[in-house]
């Protein structure tokens, strides 16, 4: 109801991040940052979503075990925020830009929203893996 988004990882409630943990906010340069709070619930290592350290000490969000659906270290980094939350930063590389024409929210059949990253089907996150659901009472779980 406040315009934030809930990140749903699979359809399992225990893998869903609550609204107070996840917000999608515009950055000063017009891009978007996904804010994920520093919470024990984020030590998620299910089969579809893992956080792996990158060589530079950042973390890579890997969705499924398919290389095509993994976000590479140069594309995705986690940086601590001043409030000890973590910011997921997606770089401005042409392959994974956050320009409006590249990143869209597409409705899924269950009325969730699929985050589509780039126009490449290999980089799109499938509805079964990652959904964004707007915070309206009729779609909250």
Protein backbone atom coordinates (compact mmCIF):
# COMPACT_ATOMS: atom_id res chain seq x y z
CA UNK A 1 0.00 0.00 0.00
CA UNK A 2 3.00 2.29 0.38
CA UNK A 3 4.14 1.60 -3.16
CA UNK A 4 6.98 -0.70 -2.17
CA UNK A 5 7.37 -4.17 -3.58
CA UNK A 6 7.68 -7.57 -1.94
CA UNK A 7 10.26 -9.93 -3.37
CA UNK A 8 8.78 -13.41 -3.53
CA UNK A 9 11.27 -16.21 -4.00
CA UNK A 10 9.26 -19.23 -5.13
CA UNK A 11 5.73 -19.53 -3.79
CA UNK A 12 6.86 -20.69 -0.38
CA UNK A 13 5.95 -18.20 2.38
CA UNK A 14 9.12 -18.94 4.31
CA UNK A 15 11.15 -17.84 1.27
CA UNK A 16 9.25 -14.60 0.83
CA UNK A 17 10.80 -11.38 2.06
CA UNK A 18 8.38 -9.17 3.98
CA UNK A 19 7.64 -5.61 2.84
CA UNK A 20 9.76 -4.13 5.62
CA UNK A 21 12.74 -6.09 4.31
CA UNK A 22 12.56 -5.29 0.60
CA UNK A 23 11.91 -2.02 -1.14
CA UNK A 24 12.54 -0.90 -4.68
CA UNK A 25 13.65 2.71 -4.64
CA UNK A 26 14.84 5.11 -7.33
CA UNK A 27 18.50 6.03 -7.18
CA UNK A 28 19.76 9.56 -7.70
CA UNK A 29 20.90 8.73 -11.23
CA UNK A 30 17.47 7.43 -12.20
CA UNK A 31 18.33 3.76 -11.76
CA UNK A 32 16.72 1.58 -9.14
CA UNK A 33 18.18 -0.15 -6.11
CA UNK A 34 16.70 -3.17 -4.41
CA UNK A 35 17.00 -2.74 -0.64
CA UNK A 36 17.26 -6.02 1.27
CA UNK A 37 17.53 -5.74 5.04
CA UNK A 38 20.30 -7.45 6.96
CA UNK A 39 18.15 -10.16 8.48
CA UNK A 40 18.71 -13.81 9.46
CA UNK A 41 16.03 -14.72 6.94
CA UNK A 42 18.47 -13.72 4.21
CA UNK A 43 20.78 -16.65 4.93
CA UNK A 44 18.69 -18.34 2.25
CA UNK A 45 20.38 -21.19 0.43
CA UNK A 46 17.49 -22.90 -1.33
CA UNK A 47 18.08 -24.77 -4.54
CA UNK A 48 16.87 -21.94 -6.73
CA UNK A 49 18.45 -18.89 -5.09
CA UNK A 50 21.92 -18.61 -3.64
CA UNK A 51 24.21 -15.80 -2.61
CA UNK A 52 27.82 -16.54 -3.51
CA UNK A 53 30.91 -14.46 -2.80
CA UNK A 54 32.57 -12.82 -5.77
CA UNK A 55 36.33 -12.55 -6.11
CA UNK A 56 36.25 -8.89 -5.06
CA UNK A 57 34.44 -9.72 -1.82
CA UNK A 58 31.02 -8.70 -3.11
CA UNK A 59 28.17 -11.14 -3.43
CA UNK A 60 26.51 -12.46 -6.56
CA UNK A 61 22.82 -13.32 -6.61
CA UNK A 62 22.45 -16.58 -8.50
CA UNK A 63 18.96 -17.57 -9.53
CA UNK A 64 18.65 -21.27 -10.38
CA UNK A 65 21.66 -23.32 -11.28
CA UNK A 66 21.43 -22.27 -14.91
CA UNK A 67 24.37 -20.08 -15.97
CA UNK A 68 22.04 -18.07 -18.20
CA UNK A 69 20.04 -17.00 -15.15
CA UNK A 70 23.03 -16.10 -13.01
CA UNK A 71 23.92 -12.44 -12.57
CA UNK A 72 27.67 -12.11 -12.96
CA UNK A 73 29.87 -10.40 -10.36
CA UNK A 74 30.53 -7.45 -12.65
CA UNK A 75 26.79 -6.95 -12.99
CA UNK A 76 25.57 -7.37 -9.41
CA UNK A 77 27.17 -6.35 -6.15
CA UNK A 78 25.98 -6.03 -2.58
CA UNK A 79 27.14 -2.95 -0.71
CA UNK A 80 26.40 -2.13 2.92
CA UNK A 81 24.12 0.85 3.46
CA UNK A 82 24.47 3.30 6.33
CA UNK A 83 21.67 1.58 8.25
CA UNK A 84 23.45 -1.79 7.93
CA UNK A 85 21.04 -2.97 5.26
CA UNK A 86 22.41 -4.18 1.98
CA UNK A 87 21.87 -2.64 -1.42
CA UNK A 88 21.72 -4.87 -4.48
CA UNK A 89 23.38 -2.82 -7.20
CA UNK A 90 22.91 -3.79 -10.83
CA UNK A 91 25.49 -2.10 -13.01
CA UNK A 92 24.75 0.12 -15.98
CA UNK A 93 26.31 -2.34 -18.39
CA UNK A 94 24.31 -2.51 -21.64
CA UNK A 95 23.52 -6.16 -20.96
CA UNK A 96 21.85 -5.42 -17.63
CA UNK A 97 20.82 -1.79 -17.67
CA UNK A 98 18.05 -0.47 -15.48
CA UNK A 99 16.69 1.79 -18.20
CA UNK A 100 12.88 1.71 -18.34
CA UNK A 101 12.82 0.12 -21.77
CA UNK A 102 15.04 -2.71 -20.52
CA UNK A 103 13.61 -3.41 -17.08
CA UNK A 104 9.88 -3.93 -16.96
CA UNK A 105 7.38 -5.46 -14.59
CA UNK A 106 5.23 -7.93 -16.48
CA UNK A 107 2.08 -9.37 -14.91
CA UNK A 108 2.18 -13.11 -14.36
CA UNK A 109 -0.87 -15.34 -14.49
CA UNK A 110 -1.09 -15.32 -10.69
CA UNK A 111 -1.20 -11.49 -10.71
CA UNK A 112 2.36 -11.27 -9.45
CA UNK A 113 4.84 -9.26 -11.44
CA UNK A 114 7.86 -10.74 -13.13
CA UNK A 115 11.02 -8.68 -13.15
CA UNK A 116 12.27 -8.74 -16.72
CA UNK A 117 15.94 -7.81 -16.93
CA UNK A 118 17.14 -6.78 -20.42
CA UNK A 119 15.48 -7.80 -23.64
CA UNK A 120 17.41 -11.05 -23.70
CA UNK A 121 15.30 -14.06 -22.81
CA UNK A 122 18.35 -15.63 -21.15
CA UNK A 123 18.45 -12.79 -18.61
CA UNK A 124 14.75 -12.74 -17.84
CA UNK A 125 13.81 -14.09 -14.43
CA UNK A 126 11.05 -16.63 -14.83
CA UNK A 127 7.81 -16.27 -12.80
CA UNK A 128 8.46 -19.50 -10.89
CA UNK A 129 11.72 -18.10 -9.59
CA UNK A 130 11.28 -14.40 -8.82
CA UNK A 131 8.14 -12.32 -8.64
CA UNK A 132 7.40 -8.81 -7.53
CA UNK A 133 3.93 -8.39 -6.05
CA UNK A 134 2.55 -4.89 -5.51
CA UNK A 135 1.44 -4.28 -1.95
CA UNK A 136 -2.30 -4.28 -2.42
CA UNK A 137 -4.48 -6.27 -0.01
CA UNK A 138 -5.94 -8.43 -2.75
CA UNK A 139 -2.53 -9.79 -3.74
CA UNK A 140 -0.79 -9.99 -0.39
CA UNK A 141 -0.08 -13.46 0.94
